[in-house]
PDB file of N, CA and C in Angstrom:
ATOM      1  N   MET A   1       0.843  -1.178   0.000  1.00  0.00           N
ATOM      2  CA  MET A   1       0.000   0.000   0.000  1.00  0.00           C
ATOM      3  C   MET A   1       0.889   1.243   0.000  1.00  0.00           C
ATOM      4  N   ALA A   2       0.536   2.184  -0.849  1.00  0.00           N
ATOM      5  CA  ALA A   2       1.342   3.395  -0.988  1.00  0.00           C
ATOM      6  C   ALA A   2       1.098   4.354   0.177  1.00  0.00           C
ATOM      7  N   LYS A   3       2.131   5.115   0.486  1.00  0.00           N
ATOM      8  CA  LYS A   3       2.031   6.117   1.552  1.00  0.00           C
ATOM      9  C   LYS A   3       1.166   7.286   1.063  1.00  0.00           C
ATOM     10  N   PRO A   4       0.184   7.723   1.855  1.00  0.00           N
ATOM     11  CA  PRO A   4      -0.664   8.845   1.424  1.00  0.00           C
ATOM     12  C   PRO A   4       0.128  10.152   1.365  1.00  0.00           C
ATOM     13  N   SER A   5      -0.251  10.985   0.414  1.00  0.00           N
ATOM     14  CA  SER A   5       0.420  12.280   0.260  1.00  0.00           C
ATOM     15  C   SER A   5      -0.062  13.251   1.337  1.00  0.00           C
ATOM     16  N   GLY A   6       0.663  14.349   1.476  1.00  0.00           N
ATOM     17  CA  GLY A   6       0.273  15.373   2.451  1.00  0.00           C
ATOM     18  C   GLY A   6      -1.085  15.973   2.136  1.00  0.00           C
ATOM     19  N   LEU A   7      -1.342  16.208   0.845  1.00  0.00           N
ATOM     20  CA  LEU A   7      -2.636  16.747   0.432  1.00  0.00           C
ATOM     21  C   LEU A   7      -3.765  15.775   0.751  1.00  0.00           C
ATOM     22  N   GLN A   8      -3.509  14.496   0.549  1.00  0.00           N
ATOM     23  CA  GLN A   8      -4.516  13.482   0.831  1.00  0.00           C
ATOM     24  C   GLN A   8      -4.808  13.416   2.337  1.00  0.00           C
ATOM     25  N   ILE A   9      -3.783  13.490   3.156  1.00  0.00           N
ATOM     26  CA  ILE A   9      -3.981  13.472   4.611  1.00  0.00           C
ATOM     27  C   ILE A   9      -4.779  14.695   5.051  1.00  0.00           C
ATOM     28  N   ARG A  10      -4.432  15.863   4.496  1.00  0.00           N
ATOM     29  CA  ARG A  10      -5.165  17.089   4.833  1.00  0.00           C
ATOM     30  C   ARG A  10      -6.635  16.969   4.455  1.00  0.00           C
ATOM     31  N   ASN A  11      -6.923  16.403   3.291  1.00  0.00           N
ATOM     32  CA  ASN A  11      -8.305  16.247   2.856  1.00  0.00           C
ATOM     33  C   ASN A  11      -9.069  15.263   3.738  1.00  0.00           C
ATOM     34  N   ILE A  12      -8.415  14.209   4.169  1.00  0.00           N
ATOM     35  CA  ILE A  12      -9.072  13.233   5.048  1.00  0.00           C
ATOM     36  C   ILE A  12      -9.384  13.869   6.399  1.00  0.00           C
ATOM     37  N   ILE A  13      -8.433  14.628   6.946  1.00  0.00           N
ATOM     38  CA  ILE A  13      -8.667  15.309   8.229  1.00  0.00           C
ATOM     39  C   ILE A  13      -9.810  16.310   8.097  1.00  0.00           C
ATOM     40  N   ALA A  14      -9.818  17.062   6.998  1.00  0.00           N
ATOM     41  CA  ALA A  14     -10.894  18.035   6.772  1.00  0.00           C
ATOM     42  C   ALA A  14     -12.243  17.334   6.656  1.00  0.00           C
ATOM     43  N   ALA A  15     -12.285  16.198   5.962  1.00  0.00           N
ATOM     44  CA  ALA A  15     -13.543  15.463   5.800  1.00  0.00           C
ATOM     45  C   ALA A  15     -14.057  14.945   7.143  1.00  0.00           C
ATOM     46  N   VAL A  16     -13.158  14.455   7.980  1.00  0.00           N
ATOM     47  CA  VAL A  16     -13.570  13.948   9.297  1.00  0.00           C
ATOM     48  C   VAL A  16     -14.096  15.089  10.168  1.00  0.00           C
ATOM     49  N   LEU A  17     -13.406  16.225  10.155  1.00  0.00           N
ATOM     50  CA  LEU A  17     -13.873  17.373  10.944  1.00  0.00           C
ATOM     51  C   LEU A  17     -15.220  17.883  10.440  1.00  0.00           C
ATOM     52  N   MET A  18     -15.397  17.914   9.128  1.00  0.00           N
ATOM     53  CA  MET A  18     -16.678  18.373   8.579  1.00  0.00           C
ATOM     54  C   MET A  18     -17.797  17.380   8.856  1.00  0.00           C
ATOM     55  N   ALA A  19     -17.484  16.089   8.869  1.00  0.00           N
ATOM     56  CA  ALA A  19     -18.502  15.099   9.219  1.00  0.00           C
ATOM     57  C   ALA A  19     -18.942  15.291  10.672  1.00  0.00           C
ATOM     58  N   ALA A  20     -17.985  15.592  11.554  1.00  0.00           N
ATOM     59  CA  ALA A  20     -18.328  15.861  12.953  1.00  0.00           C
ATOM     60  C   ALA A  20     -19.185  17.119  13.065  1.00  0.00           C
ATOM     61  N   ALA A  21     -18.846  18.159  12.303  1.00  0.00           N
ATOM     62  CA  ALA A  21     -19.643  19.391  12.318  1.00  0.00           C
ATOM     63  C   ALA A  21     -21.039  19.145  11.759  1.00  0.00           C
ATOM     64  N   PHE A  22     -21.140  18.298  10.757  1.00  0.00           N
ATOM     65  CA  PHE A  22     -22.433  17.935  10.169  1.00  0.00           C
ATOM     66  C   PHE A  22     -23.334  17.279  11.221  1.00  0.00           C
ATOM     67  N   VAL A  23     -22.786  16.289  11.921  1.00  0.00           N
ATOM     68  CA  VAL A  23     -23.557  15.591  12.960  1.00  0.00           C
ATOM     69  C   VAL A  23     -23.908  16.550  14.091  1.00  0.00           C
ATOM     70  N   TRP A  24     -22.955  17.373  14.516  1.00  0.00           N
ATOM     71  CA  TRP A  24     -23.206  18.329  15.597  1.00  0.00           C
ATOM     72  C   TRP A  24     -24.322  19.292  15.213  1.00  0.00           C
ATOM     73  N   ASN A  25     -24.308  19.789  13.982  1.00  0.00           N
ATOM     74  CA  ASN A  25     -25.336  20.725  13.542  1.00  0.00           C
ATOM     75  C   ASN A  25     -26.706  20.047  13.477  1.00  0.00           C
ATOM     76  N   LEU A  26     -26.740  18.774  13.113  1.00  0.00           N
ATOM     77  CA  LEU A  26     -28.010  18.041  13.119  1.00  0.00           C
ATOM     78  C   LEU A  26     -28.527  17.859  14.547  1.00  0.00           C
ATOM     79  N   VAL A  27     -27.625  17.540  15.471  1.00  0.00           N
ATOM     80  CA  VAL A  27     -28.023  17.281  16.857  1.00  0.00           C
ATOM     81  C   VAL A  27     -28.568  18.539  17.526  1.00  0.00           C
ATOM     82  N   ILE A  28     -27.911  19.682  17.294  1.00  0.00           N
ATOM     83  CA  ILE A  28     -28.374  20.907  17.954  1.00  0.00           C
ATOM     84  C   ILE A  28     -29.540  21.563  17.221  1.00  0.00           C
ATOM     85  N   GLY A  29     -29.887  21.028  16.059  1.00  0.00           N
ATOM     86  CA  GLY A  29     -31.002  21.600  15.302  1.00  0.00           C
ATOM     87  C   GLY A  29     -30.641  22.901  14.622  1.00  0.00           C
ATOM     88  N   GLY A  30     -29.437  22.964  14.077  1.00  0.00           N
ATOM     89  CA  GLY A  30     -28.976  24.174  13.393  1.00  0.00           C
ATOM     90  C   GLY A  30     -29.710  24.397  12.082  1.00  0.00           C
ATOM     91  N   PRO A  31     -29.436  25.511  11.429  1.00  0.00           N
ATOM     92  CA  PRO A  31     -30.095  25.820  10.164  1.00  0.00           C
ATOM     93  C   PRO A  31     -29.819  24.739   9.111  1.00  0.00           C
ATOM     94  N   TRP A  32     -30.817  24.436   8.302  1.00  0.00           N
ATOM     95  CA  TRP A  32     -30.676  23.378   7.301  1.00  0.00           C
ATOM     96  C   TRP A  32     -29.608  23.723   6.273  1.00  0.00           C
ATOM     97  N   TRP A  33     -29.475  25.018   5.963  1.00  0.00           N
ATOM     98  CA  TRP A  33     -28.529  25.399   4.918  1.00  0.00           C
ATOM     99  C   TRP A  33     -27.086  25.229   5.379  1.00  0.00           C
ATOM    100  N   VAL A  34     -26.828  25.394   6.678  1.00  0.00           N
ATOM    101  CA  VAL A  34     -25.478  25.151   7.202  1.00  0.00           C
ATOM    102  C   VAL A  34     -25.164  23.661   7.107  1.00  0.00           C
ATOM    103  N   THR A  35     -26.143  22.832   7.456  1.00  0.00           N
ATOM    104  CA  THR A  35     -25.966  21.384   7.363  1.00  0.00           C
ATOM    105  C   THR A  35     -25.693  20.974   5.920  1.00  0.00           C
ATOM    106  N   ALA A  36     -26.421  21.565   4.976  1.00  0.00           N
ATOM    107  CA  ALA A  36     -26.239  21.236   3.562  1.00  0.00           C
ATOM    108  C   ALA A  36     -24.846  21.642   3.074  1.00  0.00           C
ATOM    109  N   ILE A  37     -24.397  22.836   3.444  1.00  0.00           N
ATOM    110  CA  ILE A  37     -23.073  23.311   3.011  1.00  0.00           C
ATOM    111  C   ILE A  37     -21.970  22.431   3.589  1.00  0.00           C
ATOM    112  N   VAL A  38     -22.073  22.106   4.870  1.00  0.00           N
ATOM    113  CA  VAL A  38     -21.047  21.277   5.509  1.00  0.00           C
ATOM    114  C   VAL A  38     -21.067  19.868   4.919  1.00  0.00           C
ATOM    115  N   GLY A  39     -22.249  19.342   4.630  1.00  0.00           N
ATOM    116  CA  GLY A  39     -22.350  18.017   4.019  1.00  0.00           C
ATOM    117  C   GLY A  39     -21.717  17.965   2.641  1.00  0.00           C
ATOM    118  N   VAL A  40     -21.979  18.967   1.822  1.00  0.00           N
ATOM    119  CA  VAL A  40     -21.380  19.021   0.481  1.00  0.00           C
ATOM    120  C   VAL A  40     -19.865  19.189   0.579  1.00  0.00           C
ATOM    121  N   ALA A  41     -19.405  20.017   1.497  1.00  0.00           N
ATOM    122  CA  ALA A  41     -17.964  20.209   1.678  1.00  0.00           C
ATOM    123  C   ALA A  41     -17.289  18.908   2.108  1.00  0.00           C
ATOM    124  N   CYS A  42     -17.950  18.142   2.956  1.00  0.00           N
ATOM    125  CA  CYS A  42     -17.410  16.854   3.399  1.00  0.00           C
ATOM    126  C   CYS A  42     -17.288  15.891   2.217  1.00  0.00           C
ATOM    127  N   LEU A  43     -18.316  15.842   1.383  1.00  0.00           N
ATOM    128  CA  LEU A  43     -18.272  14.969   0.207  1.00  0.00           C
ATOM    129  C   LEU A  43     -17.166  15.395  -0.761  1.00  0.00           C
ATOM    130  N   LEU A  44     -17.034  16.694  -0.996  1.00  0.00           N
ATOM    131  CA  LEU A  44     -16.002  17.180  -1.912  1.00  0.00           C
ATOM    132  C   LEU A  44     -14.598  16.886  -1.385  1.00  0.00           C
ATOM    133  N   SER A  45     -14.397  17.040  -0.093  1.00  0.00           N
ATOM    134  CA  SER A  45     -13.090  16.765   0.493  1.00  0.00           C
ATOM    135  C   SER A  45     -12.763  15.271   0.421  1.00  0.00           C
ATOM    136  N   SER A  46     -13.764  14.434   0.659  1.00  0.00           N
ATOM    137  CA  SER A  46     -13.558  12.984   0.557  1.00  0.00           C
ATOM    138  C   SER A  46     -13.216  12.588  -0.877  1.00  0.00           C
ATOM    139  N   PHE A  47     -13.934  13.152  -1.840  1.00  0.00           N
ATOM    140  CA  PHE A  47     -13.685  12.843  -3.244  1.00  0.00           C
ATOM    141  C   PHE A  47     -12.306  13.344  -3.671  1.00  0.00           C
ATOM    142  N   SER A  48     -11.896  14.499  -3.166  1.00  0.00           N
ATOM    143  CA  SER A  48     -10.573  15.031  -3.477  1.00  0.00           C
ATOM    144  C   SER A  48      -9.475  14.119  -2.923  1.00  0.00           C
ATOM    145  N   ALA A  49      -9.667  13.598  -1.717  1.00  0.00           N
ATOM    146  CA  ALA A  49      -8.690  12.667  -1.147  1.00  0.00           C
ATOM    147  C   ALA A  49      -8.602  11.407  -1.997  1.00  0.00           C
ATOM    148  N   TYR A  50      -9.733  10.943  -2.502  1.00  0.00           N
ATOM    149  CA  TYR A  50      -9.746   9.754  -3.361  1.00  0.00           C
ATOM    150  C   TYR A  50      -9.018  10.024  -4.679  1.00  0.00           C
ATOM    151  N   LEU A  51      -9.277  11.173  -5.283  1.00  0.00           N
ATOM    152  CA  LEU A  51      -8.646  11.495  -6.564  1.00  0.00           C
ATOM    153  C   LEU A  51      -7.148  11.755  -6.428  1.00  0.00           C
ATOM    154  N   ASN A  52      -6.690  12.190  -5.264  1.00  0.00           N
ATOM    155  CA  ASN A  52      -5.272  12.480  -5.048  1.00  0.00           C
ATOM    156  C   ASN A  52      -4.487  11.289  -4.518  1.00  0.00           C
ATOM    157  N   ARG A  53      -5.061  10.099  -4.579  1.00  0.00           N
ATOM    158  CA  ARG A  53      -4.345   8.914  -4.113  1.00  0.00           C
ATOM    159  C   ARG A  53      -3.147   8.652  -5.036  1.00  0.00           C
ATOM    160  N   PRO A  54      -2.070   8.108  -4.482  1.00  0.00           N
ATOM    161  CA  PRO A  54      -0.858   7.898  -5.284  1.00  0.00           C
ATOM    162  C   PRO A  54      -1.074   7.000  -6.502  1.00  0.00           C
ATOM    163  N   SER A  55      -1.936   6.004  -6.416  1.00  0.00           N
ATOM    164  CA  SER A  55      -2.136   5.089  -7.545  1.00  0.00           C
ATOM    165  C   SER A  55      -2.926   5.724  -8.684  1.00  0.00           C
ATOM    166  N   ALA A  56      -3.520   6.897  -8.474  1.00  0.00           N
ATOM    167  CA  ALA A  56      -4.292   7.559  -9.523  1.00  0.00           C
ATOM    168  C   ALA A  56      -3.406   8.401 -10.432  1.00  0.00           C
ATOM    169  N   ARG A  57      -2.173   8.610 -10.029  1.00  0.00           N
ATOM    170  CA  ARG A  57      -1.261   9.439 -10.828  1.00  0.00           C
ATOM    171  C   ARG A  57      -0.618   8.599 -11.922  1.00  0.00           C
ATOM    172  N   PRO A  58      -0.445   9.192 -13.091  1.00  0.00           N
ATOM    173  CA  PRO A  58       0.171   8.428 -14.205  1.00  0.00           C
ATOM    174  C   PRO A  58       1.650   8.167 -13.998  1.00  0.00           C
TER     175      PRO A  58
END
């Protein structure tokens, strides 16, 4: 298994933090639009980490 890049690690950490913020906002009953923005950001960060994996590079 290849060692993850720095960018990939940063994206994974960001995705985990945003997932926690997503759950926290749902639990406290925050505005729906904040939940939607954080959810989309989490998905984009996860997808970016996947695309930046070492095996995806030519």
